Amino acid sequence: MHDVMVAHGDGDKKIWLTELGAATSQSPEGVSQAEQAKQITDELAAAAATDYSGPAFIYSIRDDNTLNRGNHFDNYGALLTSDWQPKATAAALAK
């Protein structure tokens, strides 16, 4: 993407990363808390390694309903379960 921006005269602009995350559900789209933490920290590290990445935003801080394990939309929280318990990403980002 950055190469395309450079080719069109926009190389000095930053690429913003929005809505980072993965659902920790038991749905086909879901991942484990460990995998969610890995994906988010890998994406943040990759962005930090470039000079053209701007701000990065995690999609959701807290699950809407952690008990509804089959619904991935209810489980996008990266840092907290719906009952305010820390998730694996919270520990990974605290390092």
N, C-alpha and C. Protein backbone atom coordinates (compact mmCIF):
# COMPACT_ATOMS: atom_id res chain seq x y z
N MET A 1 0.82 -1.18 0.00
CA MET A 1 0.00 0.00 0.00
C MET A 1 0.88 1.25 0.00
N HIS A 2 1.91 1.25 0.84
CA HIS A 2 2.77 2.42 0.91
C HIS A 2 3.46 2.68 -0.43
N ASP A 3 3.88 1.63 -1.12
CA ASP A 3 4.51 1.81 -2.43
C ASP A 3 3.57 2.48 -3.42
N VAL A 4 2.31 2.11 -3.39
CA VAL A 4 1.31 2.75 -4.25
C VAL A 4 1.16 4.22 -3.89
N MET A 5 1.14 4.50 -2.59
CA MET A 5 1.04 5.89 -2.15
C MET A 5 2.25 6.70 -2.63
N VAL A 6 3.44 6.14 -2.50
CA VAL A 6 4.66 6.82 -2.95
C VAL A 6 4.57 7.10 -4.45
N ALA A 7 4.16 6.10 -5.22
CA ALA A 7 4.06 6.24 -6.67
C ALA A 7 3.09 7.34 -7.09
N HIS A 8 2.13 7.66 -6.22
CA HIS A 8 1.13 8.67 -6.54
C HIS A 8 1.33 9.97 -5.75
N GLY A 9 2.52 10.15 -5.20
CA GLY A 9 2.85 11.39 -4.53
C GLY A 9 2.34 11.53 -3.11
N ASP A 10 1.91 10.44 -2.51
CA ASP A 10 1.39 10.50 -1.14
C ASP A 10 2.28 9.77 -0.14
N GLY A 11 3.53 9.60 -0.45
CA GLY A 11 4.45 8.86 0.40
C GLY A 11 4.71 9.48 1.75
N ASP A 12 4.44 10.78 1.88
CA ASP A 12 4.68 11.44 3.16
C ASP A 12 3.50 11.28 4.13
N LYS A 13 2.42 10.69 3.65
CA LYS A 13 1.24 10.48 4.51
C LYS A 13 1.39 9.18 5.30
N LYS A 14 0.76 9.15 6.47
CA LYS A 14 0.79 7.96 7.33
C LYS A 14 -0.39 7.05 7.02
N ILE A 15 -0.16 5.76 7.17
CA ILE A 15 -1.23 4.77 7.05
C ILE A 15 -1.73 4.47 8.46
N TRP A 16 -2.99 4.70 8.70
CA TRP A 16 -3.60 4.43 10.00
C TRP A 16 -4.15 3.02 10.01
N LEU A 17 -3.89 2.29 11.07
CA LEU A 17 -4.41 0.93 11.24
C LEU A 17 -5.64 1.02 12.15
N THR A 18 -6.76 0.67 11.61
CA THR A 18 -8.00 0.78 12.37
C THR A 18 -8.65 -0.59 12.53
N GLU A 19 -9.34 -0.76 13.62
CA GLU A 19 -10.11 -1.96 13.92
C GLU A 19 -9.27 -3.22 13.94
N LEU A 20 -8.12 -3.18 14.60
CA LEU A 20 -7.32 -4.38 14.80
C LEU A 20 -8.04 -5.32 15.77
N GLY A 21 -7.91 -6.59 15.54
CA GLY A 21 -8.48 -7.53 16.50
C GLY A 21 -8.93 -8.82 15.88
N ALA A 22 -9.32 -9.72 16.74
CA ALA A 22 -9.85 -11.03 16.35
C ALA A 22 -10.78 -11.49 17.47
N ALA A 23 -11.83 -12.15 17.10
CA ALA A 23 -12.81 -12.61 18.09
C ALA A 23 -12.33 -13.88 18.80
N THR A 24 -12.49 -13.92 20.11
CA THR A 24 -12.14 -15.11 20.88
C THR A 24 -13.40 -15.92 21.17
N SER A 25 -13.98 -16.42 20.11
CA SER A 25 -15.21 -17.20 20.23
C SER A 25 -14.97 -18.63 19.75
N GLN A 26 -15.99 -19.45 19.90
CA GLN A 26 -15.91 -20.82 19.41
C GLN A 26 -16.54 -20.94 18.03
N SER A 27 -16.85 -19.82 17.42
CA SER A 27 -17.39 -19.84 16.06
C SER A 27 -16.26 -20.14 15.08
N PRO A 28 -16.58 -20.48 13.85
CA PRO A 28 -15.52 -20.77 12.86
C PRO A 28 -14.54 -19.60 12.67
N GLU A 29 -14.99 -18.38 12.92
CA GLU A 29 -14.15 -17.20 12.76
C GLU A 29 -13.30 -16.93 14.00
N GLY A 30 -13.58 -17.61 15.10
CA GLY A 30 -12.94 -17.32 16.37
C GLY A 30 -11.53 -17.89 16.52
N VAL A 31 -10.79 -17.29 17.45
CA VAL A 31 -9.44 -17.74 17.78
C VAL A 31 -9.33 -17.83 19.30
N SER A 32 -8.27 -18.44 19.78
CA SER A 32 -8.01 -18.50 21.22
C SER A 32 -7.54 -17.13 21.70
N GLN A 33 -7.56 -16.94 23.02
CA GLN A 33 -7.03 -15.70 23.58
C GLN A 33 -5.55 -15.55 23.25
N ALA A 34 -4.81 -16.65 23.29
CA ALA A 34 -3.38 -16.59 22.98
C ALA A 34 -3.16 -16.16 21.53
N GLU A 35 -3.96 -16.69 20.62
CA GLU A 35 -3.83 -16.31 19.21
C GLU A 35 -4.26 -14.87 18.99
N GLN A 36 -5.30 -14.43 19.68
CA GLN A 36 -5.72 -13.04 19.58
C GLN A 36 -4.58 -12.12 20.02
N ALA A 37 -3.96 -12.44 21.14
CA ALA A 37 -2.85 -11.63 21.65
C ALA A 37 -1.69 -11.62 20.67
N LYS A 38 -1.38 -12.77 20.08
CA LYS A 38 -0.29 -12.87 19.11
C LYS A 38 -0.58 -12.01 17.88
N GLN A 39 -1.79 -12.11 17.35
CA GLN A 39 -2.13 -11.34 16.17
C GLN A 39 -2.03 -9.84 16.43
N ILE A 40 -2.57 -9.39 17.53
CA ILE A 40 -2.57 -7.96 17.83
C ILE A 40 -1.15 -7.46 18.09
N THR A 41 -0.37 -8.18 18.88
CA THR A 41 0.99 -7.72 19.16
C THR A 41 1.87 -7.80 17.91
N ASP A 42 1.67 -8.80 17.07
CA ASP A 42 2.42 -8.88 15.81
C ASP A 42 2.10 -7.70 14.90
N GLU A 43 0.82 -7.35 14.81
CA GLU A 43 0.41 -6.23 13.96
C GLU A 43 0.97 -4.91 14.49
N LEU A 44 0.93 -4.72 15.80
CA LEU A 44 1.47 -3.49 16.39
C LEU A 44 2.98 -3.41 16.21
N ALA A 45 3.67 -4.52 16.36
CA ALA A 45 5.13 -4.54 16.17
C ALA A 45 5.49 -4.25 14.72
N ALA A 46 4.76 -4.83 13.79
CA ALA A 46 5.03 -4.58 12.37
C ALA A 46 4.81 -3.11 12.03
N ALA A 47 3.76 -2.54 12.57
CA ALA A 47 3.49 -1.11 12.32
C ALA A 47 4.59 -0.25 12.92
N ALA A 48 5.03 -0.57 14.12
CA ALA A 48 6.07 0.21 14.79
C ALA A 48 7.40 0.14 14.05
N ALA A 49 7.61 -0.90 13.26
CA ALA A 49 8.86 -1.08 12.53
C ALA A 49 8.92 -0.26 11.25
N THR A 50 7.85 0.44 10.91
CA THR A 50 7.84 1.26 9.70
C THR A 50 7.84 2.74 10.08
N ASP A 51 8.28 3.56 9.15
CA ASP A 51 8.22 5.00 9.42
C ASP A 51 6.97 5.63 8.81
N TYR A 52 6.17 4.82 8.15
CA TYR A 52 4.97 5.36 7.50
C TYR A 52 3.66 4.93 8.16
N SER A 53 3.74 4.21 9.27
CA SER A 53 2.52 3.83 9.98
C SER A 53 2.13 4.92 10.96
N GLY A 54 0.86 5.25 10.95
CA GLY A 54 0.33 6.23 11.89
C GLY A 54 -0.26 5.53 13.10
N PRO A 55 -1.27 6.10 13.70
CA PRO A 55 -1.89 5.49 14.87
C PRO A 55 -2.49 4.11 14.56
N ALA A 56 -2.56 3.27 15.58
CA ALA A 56 -3.20 1.96 15.47
C ALA A 56 -4.30 1.88 16.51
N PHE A 57 -5.45 1.39 16.10
CA PHE A 57 -6.61 1.32 16.99
C PHE A 57 -7.10 -0.12 17.11
N ILE A 58 -7.23 -0.60 18.34
CA ILE A 58 -7.83 -1.91 18.57
C ILE A 58 -9.34 -1.75 18.48
N TYR A 59 -9.97 -2.67 17.78
CA TYR A 59 -11.41 -2.55 17.50
C TYR A 59 -12.26 -2.41 18.76
N SER A 60 -12.03 -3.27 19.73
CA SER A 60 -12.88 -3.25 20.92
C SER A 60 -12.04 -3.65 22.14
N ILE A 61 -12.24 -2.95 23.21
CA ILE A 61 -11.48 -3.22 24.44
C ILE A 61 -12.09 -4.36 25.24
N ARG A 62 -13.42 -4.43 25.28
CA ARG A 62 -14.12 -5.38 26.14
C ARG A 62 -15.14 -6.18 25.35
N ASP A 63 -15.22 -7.48 25.63
CA ASP A 63 -16.25 -8.33 25.03
C ASP A 63 -17.63 -7.79 25.37
N ASP A 64 -18.58 -7.96 24.46
CA ASP A 64 -19.97 -7.61 24.74
C ASP A 64 -20.63 -8.67 25.62
N ASN A 65 -20.35 -9.94 25.32
CA ASN A 65 -20.96 -11.03 26.07
C ASN A 65 -20.08 -12.28 25.96
N THR A 66 -19.10 -12.38 26.83
CA THR A 66 -18.14 -13.48 26.79
C THR A 66 -18.84 -14.84 26.91
N LEU A 67 -19.95 -14.90 27.61
CA LEU A 67 -20.65 -16.18 27.80
C LEU A 67 -21.28 -16.70 26.52
N ASN A 68 -21.49 -15.84 25.56
CA ASN A 68 -22.06 -16.26 24.27
C ASN A 68 -20.91 -16.67 23.36
N ARG A 69 -20.28 -17.79 23.65
CA ARG A 69 -19.06 -18.25 22.99
C ARG A 69 -19.24 -18.56 21.51
N GLY A 70 -20.46 -18.81 21.08
CA GLY A 70 -20.69 -19.15 19.68
C GLY A 70 -20.81 -17.95 18.77
N ASN A 71 -20.94 -16.77 19.34
CA ASN A 71 -21.12 -15.55 18.54
C ASN A 71 -19.83 -14.75 18.53
N HIS A 72 -19.16 -14.71 17.39
CA HIS A 72 -17.88 -14.01 17.36
C HIS A 72 -18.03 -12.51 17.56
N PHE A 73 -19.16 -11.93 17.17
CA PHE A 73 -19.34 -10.48 17.36
C PHE A 73 -19.38 -10.09 18.84
N ASP A 74 -19.78 -11.01 19.71
CA ASP A 74 -19.83 -10.73 21.14
C ASP A 74 -18.47 -10.85 21.83
N ASN A 75 -17.46 -11.29 21.10
CA ASN A 75 -16.19 -11.64 21.73
C ASN A 75 -14.97 -10.98 21.08
N TYR A 76 -15.13 -9.78 20.59
CA TYR A 76 -14.02 -9.05 19.97
C TYR A 76 -13.18 -8.27 20.97
N GLY A 77 -13.58 -8.21 22.22
CA GLY A 77 -12.80 -7.46 23.19
C GLY A 77 -11.37 -7.97 23.26
N ALA A 78 -10.42 -7.06 23.19
CA ALA A 78 -9.02 -7.47 23.20
C ALA A 78 -8.43 -7.53 24.60
N LEU A 79 -8.91 -6.68 25.49
CA LEU A 79 -8.29 -6.59 26.80
C LEU A 79 -9.09 -7.20 27.93
N LEU A 80 -10.43 -7.18 27.81
CA LEU A 80 -11.28 -7.60 28.93
C LEU A 80 -12.45 -8.48 28.47
N THR A 81 -12.82 -9.43 29.33
CA THR A 81 -14.06 -10.17 29.10
C THR A 81 -15.23 -9.26 29.50
N SER A 82 -16.43 -9.70 29.24
CA SER A 82 -17.59 -8.87 29.59
C SER A 82 -17.76 -8.70 31.10
N ASP A 83 -17.17 -9.59 31.90
CA ASP A 83 -17.23 -9.43 33.36
C ASP A 83 -15.94 -8.81 33.91
N TRP A 84 -15.23 -8.07 33.05
CA TRP A 84 -14.08 -7.24 33.41
C TRP A 84 -12.82 -8.02 33.79
N GLN A 85 -12.72 -9.28 33.37
CA GLN A 85 -11.50 -10.06 33.62
C GLN A 85 -10.50 -9.80 32.50
N PRO A 86 -9.21 -9.66 32.83
CA PRO A 86 -8.21 -9.43 31.78
C PRO A 86 -8.06 -10.62 30.85
N LYS A 87 -7.86 -10.32 29.58
CA LYS A 87 -7.61 -11.35 28.58
C LYS A 87 -6.11 -11.40 28.30
N ALA A 88 -5.68 -12.38 27.53
CA ALA A 88 -4.26 -12.58 27.25
C ALA A 88 -3.62 -11.36 26.59
N THR A 89 -4.36 -10.64 25.77
CA THR A 89 -3.79 -9.46 25.12
C THR A 89 -3.42 -8.40 26.13
N ALA A 90 -4.20 -8.27 27.19
CA ALA A 90 -3.88 -7.28 28.24
C ALA A 90 -2.51 -7.58 28.84
N ALA A 91 -2.24 -8.84 29.12
CA ALA A 91 -0.94 -9.21 29.69
C ALA A 91 0.18 -8.99 28.67
N ALA A 92 -0.08 -9.32 27.42
CA ALA A 92 0.95 -9.15 26.37
C ALA A 92 1.29 -7.69 26.17
N LEU A 93 0.31 -6.82 26.20
CA LEU A 93 0.56 -5.40 25.99
C LEU A 93 1.17 -4.73 27.22
N ALA A 94 0.99 -5.34 28.39
CA ALA A 94 1.54 -4.77 29.62
C ALA A 94 3.05 -4.98 29.73
N LYS A 95 3.59 -5.88 28.91
CA LYS A 95 5.04 -6.19 28.98
C LYS A 95 5.85 -5.01 28.50
